[in-house]
PDB file of N, CA and C in Angstrom:
ATOM      1  N   MET A   1      -3.626  61.016   5.938  1.00  0.00           N
ATOM      2  CA  MET A   1      -4.939  60.059   5.063  1.00  0.00           C
ATOM      3  C   MET A   1      -4.434  60.922   4.014  1.00  0.00           C
ATOM      4  N   GLU A   2      -4.010  62.103   3.637  1.00  0.00           N
ATOM      5  CA  GLU A   2      -3.606  62.535   1.908  1.00  0.00           C
ATOM      6  C   GLU A   2      -2.294  61.665   1.568  1.00  0.00           C
ATOM      7  N   GLU A   3      -1.275  61.426   2.730  1.00  0.00           N
ATOM      8  CA  GLU A   3      -0.077  60.782   2.240  1.00  0.00           C
ATOM      9  C   GLU A   3      -0.401  59.698   1.977  1.00  0.00           C
ATOM     10  N   ILE A   4      -1.316  58.872   2.717  1.00  0.00           N
ATOM     11  CA  ILE A   4      -1.150  57.366   2.300  1.00  0.00           C
ATOM     12  C   ILE A   4      -2.188  57.427   1.322  1.00  0.00           C
ATOM     13  N   PHE A   5      -3.100  57.862   0.438  1.00  0.00           N
ATOM     14  CA  PHE A   5      -3.789  57.974  -0.007  1.00  0.00           C
ATOM     15  C   PHE A   5      -2.425  58.286  -1.867  1.00  0.00           C
ATOM     16  N   ASN A   6      -1.625  59.051  -1.617  1.00  0.00           N
ATOM     17  CA  ASN A   6      -0.693  59.655  -2.581  1.00  0.00           C
ATOM     18  C   ASN A   6       0.322  58.291  -2.611  1.00  0.00           C
ATOM     19  N   TYR A   7       0.601  57.798  -1.413  1.00  0.00           N
ATOM     20  CA  TYR A   7       1.512  56.629  -1.817  1.00  0.00           C
ATOM     21  C   TYR A   7       0.512  55.585  -2.556  1.00  0.00           C
ATOM     22  N   ALA A   8      -0.354  55.331  -2.283  1.00  0.00           N
ATOM     23  CA  ALA A   8      -0.916  53.964  -2.913  1.00  0.00           C
ATOM     24  C   ALA A   8      -1.517  54.433  -4.384  1.00  0.00           C
ATOM     25  N   ILE A   9      -1.788  55.932  -4.582  1.00  0.00           N
ATOM     26  CA  ILE A   9      -1.512  56.198  -6.524  1.00  0.00           C
ATOM     27  C   ILE A   9       0.036  55.635  -6.498  1.00  0.00           C
ATOM     28  N   LEU A  10       0.809  56.272  -5.656  1.00  0.00           N
ATOM     29  CA  LEU A  10       2.082  56.143  -6.535  1.00  0.00           C
ATOM     30  C   LEU A  10       2.346  54.679  -6.972  1.00  0.00           C
ATOM     31  N   PHE A  11       1.989  53.391  -5.783  1.00  0.00           N
ATOM     32  CA  PHE A  11       2.327  52.379  -6.048  1.00  0.00           C
ATOM     33  C   PHE A  11       1.449  51.828  -7.388  1.00  0.00           C
ATOM     34  N   PHE A  12       0.169  52.236  -7.588  1.00  0.00           N
ATOM     35  CA  PHE A  12      -0.559  51.563  -8.826  1.00  0.00           C
ATOM     36  C   PHE A  12      -0.084  52.176  -9.973  1.00  0.00           C
ATOM     37  N   SER A  13       0.101  53.438  -9.421  1.00  0.00           N
ATOM     38  CA  SER A  13       0.931  54.017 -11.057  1.00  0.00           C
ATOM     39  C   SER A  13       2.013  53.750 -11.220  1.00  0.00           C
ATOM     40  N   LEU A  14       3.254  52.853 -10.143  1.00  0.00           N
ATOM     41  CA  LEU A  14       4.261  52.233 -11.322  1.00  0.00           C
ATOM     42  C   LEU A  14       3.732  50.463 -11.269  1.00  0.00           C
ATOM     43  N   VAL A  15       2.980  50.410 -10.576  1.00  0.00           N
ATOM     44  CA  VAL A  15       2.219  48.700 -11.535  1.00  0.00           C
ATOM     45  C   VAL A  15       1.908  48.907 -12.787  1.00  0.00           C
ATOM     46  N   ALA A  16       1.155  49.469 -12.780  1.00  0.00           N
ATOM     47  CA  ALA A  16       0.431  50.497 -14.302  1.00  0.00           C
ATOM     48  C   ALA A  16       1.774  50.635 -15.551  1.00  0.00           C
ATOM     49  N   ILE A  17       2.778  50.824 -14.761  1.00  0.00           N
ATOM     50  CA  ILE A  17       3.952  51.490 -15.832  1.00  0.00           C
ATOM     51  C   ILE A  17       4.697  49.732 -16.167  1.00  0.00           C
ATOM     52  N   VAL A  18       4.653  48.794 -15.224  1.00  0.00           N
ATOM     53  CA  VAL A  18       5.528  47.930 -15.399  1.00  0.00           C
ATOM     54  C   VAL A  18       4.861  46.688 -16.163  1.00  0.00           C
ATOM     55  N   ILE A  19       3.609  46.906 -16.087  1.00  0.00           N
ATOM     56  CA  ILE A  19       2.604  46.246 -16.875  1.00  0.00           C
ATOM     57  C   ILE A  19       2.282  46.552 -18.483  1.00  0.00           C
ATOM     58  N   THR A  20       2.456  48.093 -18.446  1.00  0.00           N
ATOM     59  CA  THR A  20       2.432  48.589 -20.036  1.00  0.00           C
ATOM     60  C   THR A  20       3.826  48.354 -20.684  1.00  0.00           C
ATOM     61  N   SER A  21       4.727  48.231 -20.019  1.00  0.00           N
ATOM     62  CA  SER A  21       5.867  48.348 -20.127  1.00  0.00           C
ATOM     63  C   SER A  21       5.984  46.639 -20.814  1.00  0.00           C
ATOM     64  N   GLY A  22       5.760  45.843 -19.942  1.00  0.00           N
ATOM     65  CA  GLY A  22       5.287  44.066 -20.739  1.00  0.00           C
ATOM     66  C   GLY A  22       4.870  44.200 -21.906  1.00  0.00           C
ATOM     67  N   VAL A  23       3.576  44.933 -22.079  1.00  0.00           N
ATOM     68  CA  VAL A  23       3.182  45.025 -23.210  1.00  0.00           C
ATOM     69  C   VAL A  23       3.505  45.189 -24.763  1.00  0.00           C
ATOM     70  N   VAL A  24       4.449  46.573 -23.887  1.00  0.00           N
ATOM     71  CA  VAL A  24       5.487  47.060 -25.256  1.00  0.00           C
ATOM     72  C   VAL A  24       6.642  46.359 -25.770  1.00  0.00           C
ATOM     73  N   TRP A  25       7.000  45.981 -24.813  1.00  0.00           N
ATOM     74  CA  TRP A  25       8.401  44.612 -24.708  1.00  0.00           C
ATOM     75  C   TRP A  25       7.831  43.411 -25.957  1.00  0.00           C
ATOM     76  N   ARG A  26       6.387  43.360 -26.009  1.00  0.00           N
ATOM     77  CA  ARG A  26       5.978  41.989 -26.387  1.00  0.00           C
ATOM     78  C   ARG A  26       4.884  42.393 -27.661  1.00  0.00           C
ATOM     79  N   VAL A  27       4.854  43.386 -28.047  1.00  0.00           N
ATOM     80  CA  VAL A  27       4.091  43.816 -29.561  1.00  0.00           C
ATOM     81  C   VAL A  27       4.706  44.451 -30.278  1.00  0.00           C
ATOM     82  N   GLU A  28       4.367  44.628 -31.670  1.00  0.00           N
ATOM     83  CA  GLU A  28       5.171  45.036 -32.498  1.00  0.00           C
ATOM     84  C   GLU A  28       3.732  46.151 -33.098  1.00  0.00           C
ATOM     85  N   GLN A  29       4.589  47.083 -34.133  1.00  0.00           N
ATOM     86  CA  GLN A  29       4.207  47.690 -34.904  1.00  0.00           C
ATOM     87  C   GLN A  29       2.961  48.569 -34.195  1.00  0.00           C
ATOM     88  N   LYS A  30       1.792  49.080 -35.070  1.00  0.00           N
ATOM     89  CA  LYS A  30       1.106  50.051 -34.161  1.00  0.00           C
ATOM     90  C   LYS A  30       0.549  49.972 -33.003  1.00  0.00           C
ATOM     91  N   LEU A  31       0.472  48.723 -32.811  1.00  0.00           N
ATOM     92  CA  LEU A  31       0.133  48.518 -31.470  1.00  0.00           C
ATOM     93  C   LEU A  31       0.999  49.122 -30.393  1.00  0.00           C
ATOM     94  N   ASP A  32       1.979  48.281 -30.726  1.00  0.00           N
ATOM     95  CA  ASP A  32       3.170  48.854 -29.546  1.00  0.00           C
ATOM     96  C   ASP A  32       3.590  50.582 -29.849  1.00  0.00           C
ATOM     97  N   MET A  33       3.408  51.458 -30.746  1.00  0.00           N
ATOM     98  CA  MET A  33       3.014  52.967 -30.730  1.00  0.00           C
ATOM     99  C   MET A  33       2.293  53.041 -29.855  1.00  0.00           C
ATOM    100  N   SER A  34       0.930  52.595 -29.911  1.00  0.00           N
ATOM    101  CA  SER A  34      -0.426  53.251 -29.189  1.00  0.00           C
ATOM    102  C   SER A  34       0.266  52.732 -27.794  1.00  0.00           C
ATOM    103  N   TYR A  35       0.906  51.557 -27.312  1.00  0.00           N
ATOM    104  CA  TYR A  35       0.797  51.529 -25.655  1.00  0.00           C
ATOM    105  C   TYR A  35       2.229  52.147 -25.630  1.00  0.00           C
ATOM    106  N   LYS A  36       3.230  52.932 -26.350  1.00  0.00           N
ATOM    107  CA  LYS A  36       4.200  53.324 -26.190  1.00  0.00           C
ATOM    108  C   LYS A  36       3.774  54.755 -25.659  1.00  0.00           C
ATOM    109  N   PHE A  37       2.584  55.440 -26.309  1.00  0.00           N
ATOM    110  CA  PHE A  37       2.169  56.532 -25.795  1.00  0.00           C
ATOM    111  C   PHE A  37       1.595  56.572 -24.662  1.00  0.00           C
ATOM    112  N   PHE A  38       0.902  55.785 -24.019  1.00  0.00           N
ATOM    113  CA  PHE A  38      -0.265  55.076 -23.053  1.00  0.00           C
ATOM    114  C   PHE A  38       1.369  54.748 -21.668  1.00  0.00           C
ATOM    115  N   LEU A  39       2.424  54.468 -22.351  1.00  0.00           N
ATOM    116  CA  LEU A  39       3.891  54.280 -21.220  1.00  0.00           C
ATOM    117  C   LEU A  39       3.850  55.279 -20.882  1.00  0.00           C
ATOM    118  N   ILE A  40       3.827  56.658 -21.838  1.00  0.00           N
ATOM    119  CA  ILE A  40       4.864  58.124 -21.655  1.00  0.00           C
ATOM    120  C   ILE A  40       3.683  58.791 -21.071  1.00  0.00           C
ATOM    121  N   ALA A  41       2.920  58.823 -21.233  1.00  0.00           N
ATOM    122  CA  ALA A  41       1.280  58.830 -20.245  1.00  0.00           C
ATOM    123  C   ALA A  41       1.109  58.687 -18.763  1.00  0.00           C
ATOM    124  N   LEU A  42       1.543  57.124 -18.931  1.00  0.00           N
ATOM    125  CA  LEU A  42       1.430  56.860 -17.295  1.00  0.00           C
ATOM    126  C   LEU A  42       2.849  57.735 -16.455  1.00  0.00           C
ATOM    127  N   ILE A  43       4.228  57.623 -17.080  1.00  0.00           N
ATOM    128  CA  ILE A  43       5.002  57.668 -16.292  1.00  0.00           C
ATOM    129  C   ILE A  43       4.866  59.442 -16.203  1.00  0.00           C
ATOM    130  N   ILE A  44       4.355  60.370 -16.798  1.00  0.00           N
ATOM    131  CA  ILE A  44       4.104  62.017 -16.677  1.00  0.00           C
ATOM    132  C   ILE A  44       3.021  61.892 -15.733  1.00  0.00           C
ATOM    133  N   PHE A  45       1.987  61.019 -15.590  1.00  0.00           N
ATOM    134  CA  PHE A  45       1.437  61.150 -14.138  1.00  0.00           C
ATOM    135  C   PHE A  45       1.841  60.381 -13.020  1.00  0.00           C
ATOM    136  N   THR A  46       3.114  59.376 -13.480  1.00  0.00           N
ATOM    137  CA  THR A  46       3.582  58.939 -12.099  1.00  0.00           C
ATOM    138  C   THR A  46       4.631  60.306 -11.450  1.00  0.00           C
ATOM    139  N   ILE A  47       5.117  60.874 -12.713  1.00  0.00           N
ATOM    140  CA  ILE A  47       5.815  61.963 -11.769  1.00  0.00           C
ATOM    141  C   ILE A  47       5.376  63.047 -11.379  1.00  0.00           C
ATOM    142  N   GLY A  48       3.685  63.466 -12.121  1.00  0.00           N
ATOM    143  CA  GLY A  48       3.094  63.843 -11.048  1.00  0.00           C
ATOM    144  C   GLY A  48       2.609  63.546  -9.796  1.00  0.00           C
ATOM    145  N   VAL A  49       2.514  62.706  -9.439  1.00  0.00           N
ATOM    146  CA  VAL A  49       2.603  61.880  -8.074  1.00  0.00           C
ATOM    147  C   VAL A  49       3.231  62.177  -7.384  1.00  0.00           C
ATOM    148  N   VAL A  50       4.309  61.846  -7.837  1.00  0.00           N
ATOM    149  CA  VAL A  50       5.850  62.014  -6.991  1.00  0.00           C
ATOM    150  C   VAL A  50       6.137  63.303  -6.813  1.00  0.00           C
ATOM    151  N   LEU A  51       5.791  64.581  -7.758  1.00  0.00           N
ATOM    152  CA  LEU A  51       5.654  65.837  -7.382  1.00  0.00           C
ATOM    153  C   LEU A  51       4.578  66.759  -6.209  1.00  0.00           C
ATOM    154  N   ASP A  52       3.445  65.856  -6.440  1.00  0.00           N
ATOM    155  CA  ASP A  52       2.640  66.039  -5.487  1.00  0.00           C
ATOM    156  C   ASP A  52       3.040  65.530  -3.836  1.00  0.00           C
ATOM    157  N   ILE A  53       3.665  64.302  -3.766  1.00  0.00           N
ATOM    158  CA  ILE A  53       4.494  63.645  -2.525  1.00  0.00           C
ATOM    159  C   ILE A  53       5.411  64.584  -1.989  1.00  0.00           C
ATOM    160  N   LEU A  54       6.339  65.142  -3.065  1.00  0.00           N
ATOM    161  CA  LEU A  54       7.535  65.863  -2.621  1.00  0.00           C
ATOM    162  C   LEU A  54       6.500  67.387  -2.319  1.00  0.00           C
ATOM    163  N   GLU A  55       6.129  67.733  -2.737  1.00  0.00           N
ATOM    164  CA  GLU A  55       5.394  69.280  -2.361  1.00  0.00           C
ATOM    165  C   GLU A  55       4.677  69.269  -0.934  1.00  0.00           C
ATOM    166  N   TRP A  56       3.842  67.913  -0.702  1.00  0.00           N
ATOM    167  CA  TRP A  56       3.165  67.868   0.941  1.00  0.00           C
ATOM    168  C   TRP A  56       4.379  67.545   1.615  1.00  0.00           C
ATOM    169  N   TYR A  57       5.810  67.087   1.256  1.00  0.00           N
ATOM    170  CA  TYR A  57       6.608  67.084   2.518  1.00  0.00           C
ATOM    171  C   TYR A  57       7.557  68.307   2.703  1.00  0.00           C
ATOM    172  N   SER A  58       7.362  69.686   1.296  1.00  0.00           N
ATOM    173  CA  SER A  58       7.771  70.844   1.477  1.00  0.00           C
ATOM    174  C   SER A  58       9.180  70.823   0.620  1.00  0.00           C
ATOM    175  N   PHE A  59       9.362  69.637   0.051  1.00  0.00           N
ATOM    176  CA  PHE A  59      11.013  69.409  -0.553  1.00  0.00           C
ATOM    177  C   PHE A  59      10.868  70.351  -1.752  1.00  0.00           C
ATOM    178  N   ILE A  60       9.690  70.511  -2.127  1.00  0.00           N
ATOM    179  CA  ILE A  60       9.945  71.347  -3.350  1.00  0.00           C
ATOM    180  C   ILE A  60       8.328  72.780  -3.552  1.00  0.00           C
ATOM    181  N   PRO A  61       8.577  73.861  -3.774  1.00  0.00           N
ATOM    182  CA  PRO A  61       7.613  74.912  -3.386  1.00  0.00           C
ATOM    183  C   PRO A  61       6.224  74.895  -4.418  1.00  0.00           C
ATOM    184  N   HIS A  62       5.282  75.084  -3.745  1.00  0.00           N
ATOM    185  CA  HIS A  62       4.189  75.210  -4.248  1.00  0.00           C
ATOM    186  C   HIS A  62       4.193  75.521  -5.639  1.00  0.00           C
ATOM    187  N   TRP A  63       3.516  74.895  -6.718  1.00  0.00           N
ATOM    188  CA  TRP A  63       3.768  75.897  -7.940  1.00  0.00           C
ATOM    189  C   TRP A  63       2.401  75.192  -8.806  1.00  0.00           C
ATOM    190  N   GLN A  64       2.095  75.260  -9.965  1.00  0.00           N
ATOM    191  CA  GLN A  64       1.005  75.196 -10.732  1.00  0.00           C
ATOM    192  C   GLN A  64       1.560  74.349 -12.272  1.00  0.00           C
ATOM    193  N   TRP A  65       2.256  72.918 -11.382  1.00  0.00           N
ATOM    194  CA  TRP A  65       2.548  72.452 -12.231  1.00  0.00           C
ATOM    195  C   TRP A  65       1.602  71.430 -12.856  1.00  0.00           C
ATOM    196  N   GLN A  66       0.742  71.166 -11.651  1.00  0.00           N
ATOM    197  CA  GLN A  66       0.014  70.277 -11.869  1.00  0.00           C
ATOM    198  C   GLN A  66      -0.970  70.601 -13.323  1.00  0.00           C
ATOM    199  N   LYS A  67      -0.797  71.655 -13.800  1.00  0.00           N
ATOM    200  CA  LYS A  67      -1.645  71.856 -15.051  1.00  0.00           C
ATOM    201  C   LYS A  67      -0.759  71.260 -16.145  1.00  0.00           C
ATOM    202  N   VAL A  68       0.087  71.683 -15.866  1.00  0.00           N
ATOM    203  CA  VAL A  68       1.216  71.086 -17.125  1.00  0.00           C
ATOM    204  C   VAL A  68       1.011  69.452 -16.982  1.00  0.00           C
ATOM    205  N   ILE A  69       1.531  69.199 -15.949  1.00  0.00           N
ATOM    206  CA  ILE A  69       1.440  67.374 -15.729  1.00  0.00           C
ATOM    207  C   ILE A  69       0.020  67.066 -16.406  1.00  0.00           C
ATOM    208  N   LYS A  70      -0.956  67.273 -16.072  1.00  0.00           N
ATOM    209  CA  LYS A  70      -2.322  66.941 -16.664  1.00  0.00           C
ATOM    210  C   LYS A  70      -2.449  67.179 -18.416  1.00  0.00           C
ATOM    211  N   ALA A  71      -1.794  68.493 -18.529  1.00  0.00           N
ATOM    212  CA  ALA A  71      -1.966  68.639 -19.823  1.00  0.00           C
ATOM    213  C   ALA A  71      -1.081  68.023 -20.681  1.00  0.00           C
ATOM    214  N   LEU A  72       0.317  67.116 -20.451  1.00  0.00           N
ATOM    215  CA  LEU A  72       0.866  66.097 -20.903  1.00  0.00           C
ATOM    216  C   LEU A  72       0.401  64.940 -21.074  1.00  0.00           C
ATOM    217  N   PHE A  73      -0.134  64.193 -19.852  1.00  0.00           N
ATOM    218  CA  PHE A  73      -0.922  63.466 -19.850  1.00  0.00           C
ATOM    219  C   PHE A  73      -2.003  62.981 -20.553  1.00  0.00           C
ATOM    220  N   ILE A  74      -3.063  64.226 -20.904  1.00  0.00           N
ATOM    221  CA  ILE A  74      -3.849  63.474 -21.671  1.00  0.00           C
ATOM    222  C   ILE A  74      -3.356  63.774 -23.158  1.00  0.00           C
ATOM    223  N   ILE A  75      -2.249  64.602 -23.570  1.00  0.00           N
ATOM    224  CA  ILE A  75      -1.843  64.887 -24.694  1.00  0.00           C
ATOM    225  C   ILE A  75      -1.474  63.465 -25.157  1.00  0.00           C
ATOM    226  N   PHE A  76      -0.462  62.939 -24.560  1.00  0.00           N
ATOM    227  CA  PHE A  76       0.029  61.778 -24.732  1.00  0.00           C
ATOM    228  C   PHE A  76      -0.852  60.392 -25.042  1.00  0.00           C
ATOM    229  N   PHE A  77      -1.757  60.142 -23.891  1.00  0.00           N
ATOM    230  CA  PHE A  77      -3.055  59.523 -23.933  1.00  0.00           C
ATOM    231  C   PHE A  77      -4.161  59.314 -25.114  1.00  0.00           C
ATOM    232  N   SER A  78      -3.909  61.179 -25.173  1.00  0.00           N
ATOM    233  CA  SER A  78      -5.113  60.867 -26.738  1.00  0.00           C
ATOM    234  C   SER A  78      -4.175  60.559 -28.119  1.00  0.00           C
ATOM    235  N   ILE A  79      -2.626  60.602 -28.126  1.00  0.00           N
ATOM    236  CA  ILE A  79      -2.383  60.247 -29.118  1.00  0.00           C
ATOM    237  C   ILE A  79      -2.252  58.281 -28.903  1.00  0.00           C
ATOM    238  N   GLY A  80      -2.146  58.167 -27.927  1.00  0.00           N
ATOM    239  CA  GLY A  80      -1.991  56.657 -27.866  1.00  0.00           C
ATOM    240  C   GLY A  80      -3.640  56.174 -28.088  1.00  0.00           C
ATOM    241  N   ILE A  81      -4.830  56.965 -27.691  1.00  0.00           N
ATOM    242  CA  ILE A  81      -5.807  56.202 -28.101  1.00  0.00           C
ATOM    243  C   ILE A  81      -6.228  56.413 -29.653  1.00  0.00           C
ATOM    244  N   PHE A  82      -5.952  57.189 -30.083  1.00  0.00           N
ATOM    245  CA  PHE A  82      -5.542  57.396 -31.536  1.00  0.00           C
ATOM    246  C   PHE A  82      -4.835  56.582 -32.812  1.00  0.00           C
ATOM    247  N   GLU A  83      -3.827  56.385 -31.901  1.00  0.00           N
ATOM    248  CA  GLU A  83      -3.356  55.141 -32.704  1.00  0.00           C
ATOM    249  C   GLU A  83      -4.181  53.949 -32.392  1.00  0.00           C
ATOM    250  N   MET A  84      -4.203  53.472 -31.332  1.00  0.00           N
ATOM    251  CA  MET A  84      -5.231  52.569 -31.177  1.00  0.00           C
ATOM    252  C   MET A  84      -6.456  52.359 -32.057  1.00  0.00           C
ATOM    253  N   ARG A  85      -7.117  53.494 -32.405  1.00  0.00           N
ATOM    254  CA  ARG A  85      -8.348  53.420 -32.940  1.00  0.00           C
ATOM    255  C   ARG A  85      -7.790  53.410 -34.446  1.00  0.00           C
ATOM    256  N   SER A  86      -6.779  53.384 -35.063  1.00  0.00           N
ATOM    257  CA  SER A  86      -6.374  53.381 -36.545  1.00  0.00           C
ATOM    258  C   SER A  86      -5.808  52.021 -36.162  1.00  0.00           C
ATOM    259  N   LEU A  87      -5.526  51.345 -35.530  1.00  0.00           N
ATOM    260  CA  LEU A  87      -5.120  50.280 -35.633  1.00  0.00           C
ATOM    261  C   LEU A  87      -6.472  49.098 -36.181  1.00  0.00           C
ATOM    262  N   ILE A  88      -7.534  49.166 -34.782  1.00  0.00           N
ATOM    263  CA  ILE A  88      -8.530  48.864 -34.901  1.00  0.00           C
ATOM    264  C   ILE A  88      -9.498  48.922 -36.301  1.00  0.00           C
ATOM    265  N   ILE A  89      -9.676  50.034 -36.704  1.00  0.00           N
ATOM    266  CA  ILE A  89     -10.095  50.681 -37.820  1.00  0.00           C
ATOM    267  C   ILE A  89      -9.626  49.932 -39.224  1.00  0.00           C
ATOM    268  N   GLY A  90      -7.816  49.452 -39.142  1.00  0.00           N
ATOM    269  CA  GLY A  90      -7.693  48.758 -40.116  1.00  0.00           C
ATOM    270  C   GLY A  90      -7.809  47.413 -40.337  1.00  0.00           C
ATOM    271  N   ILE A  91      -7.956  47.077 -39.229  1.00  0.00           N
ATOM    272  CA  ILE A  91      -7.924  45.709 -38.560  1.00  0.00           C
ATOM    273  C   ILE A  91      -9.526  45.210 -39.487  1.00  0.00           C
ATOM    274  N   GLU A  92     -10.425  46.149 -39.252  1.00  0.00           N
ATOM    275  CA  GLU A  92     -12.024  46.305 -39.513  1.00  0.00           C
ATOM    276  C   GLU A  92     -12.002  45.836 -41.273  1.00  0.00           C
ATOM    277  N   GLU A  93     -11.324  46.974 -41.766  1.00  0.00           N
ATOM    278  CA  GLU A  93     -11.018  47.072 -42.948  1.00  0.00           C
ATOM    279  C   GLU A  93     -10.611  45.671 -43.976  1.00  0.00           C
ATOM    280  N   LYS A  94      -9.607  45.612 -42.822  1.00  0.00           N
ATOM    281  CA  LYS A  94      -8.906  44.342 -43.596  1.00  0.00           C
ATOM    282  C   LYS A  94     -10.099  42.849 -43.593  1.00  0.00           C
ATOM    283  N   GLU A  95     -10.970  43.013 -42.493  1.00  0.00           N
ATOM    284  CA  GLU A  95     -11.952  41.747 -41.963  1.00  0.00           C
ATOM    285  C   GLU A  95     -13.200  41.766 -43.141  1.00  0.00           C
ATOM    286  N   LYS A  96     -13.121  42.796 -43.565  1.00  0.00           N
ATOM    287  CA  LYS A  96     -14.722  43.343 -44.388  1.00  0.00           C
ATOM    288  C   LYS A  96     -14.175  43.224 -45.463  1.00  0.00           C
ATOM    289  N   ALA A  97     -12.844  43.515 -46.406  1.00  0.00           N
ATOM    290  CA  ALA A  97     -12.081  43.201 -47.632  1.00  0.00           C
ATOM    291  C   ALA A  97     -12.142  41.243 -47.784  1.00  0.00           C
ATOM    292  N   ARG A  98     -11.964  40.831 -46.464  1.00  0.00           N
ATOM    293  CA  ARG A  98     -11.731  39.261 -46.730  1.00  0.00           C
ATOM    294  C   ARG A  98     -12.985  38.760 -46.900  1.00  0.00           C
ATOM    295  N   ARG A  99     -14.134  39.388 -46.050  1.00  0.00           N
ATOM    296  CA  ARG A  99     -15.662  39.036 -46.222  1.00  0.00           C
ATOM    297  C   ARG A  99     -16.117  39.152 -47.914  1.00  0.00           C
ATOM    298  N   GLU A 100     -15.572  39.904 -48.581  1.00  0.00           N
ATOM    299  CA  GLU A 100     -16.232  40.450 -49.713  1.00  0.00           C
ATOM    300  C   GLU A 100     -15.430  39.845 -50.604  1.00  0.00           C
TER     301      GLU A 100
END
């Protein structure tokens, strides 16, 4: 059952990478930067899933790499969120200045 679950997570991770790559391909500037960080976070997450699968099949030894993967994921995801926040604040400020 765990094997099926890991493969399902891997499949959806790859789908998320494809979708996010499409967004990065089509947008510019701040939004582009935000989605690039999201894409890096998704790639790191997917690497973690692949390592889970390889560990399950005993191709790689058990190691505490999950903590490293989680730390890298949250760092890049947080940077992406920060970039998105900056973009939204900039848009709000332009709208506020336009109204005044």
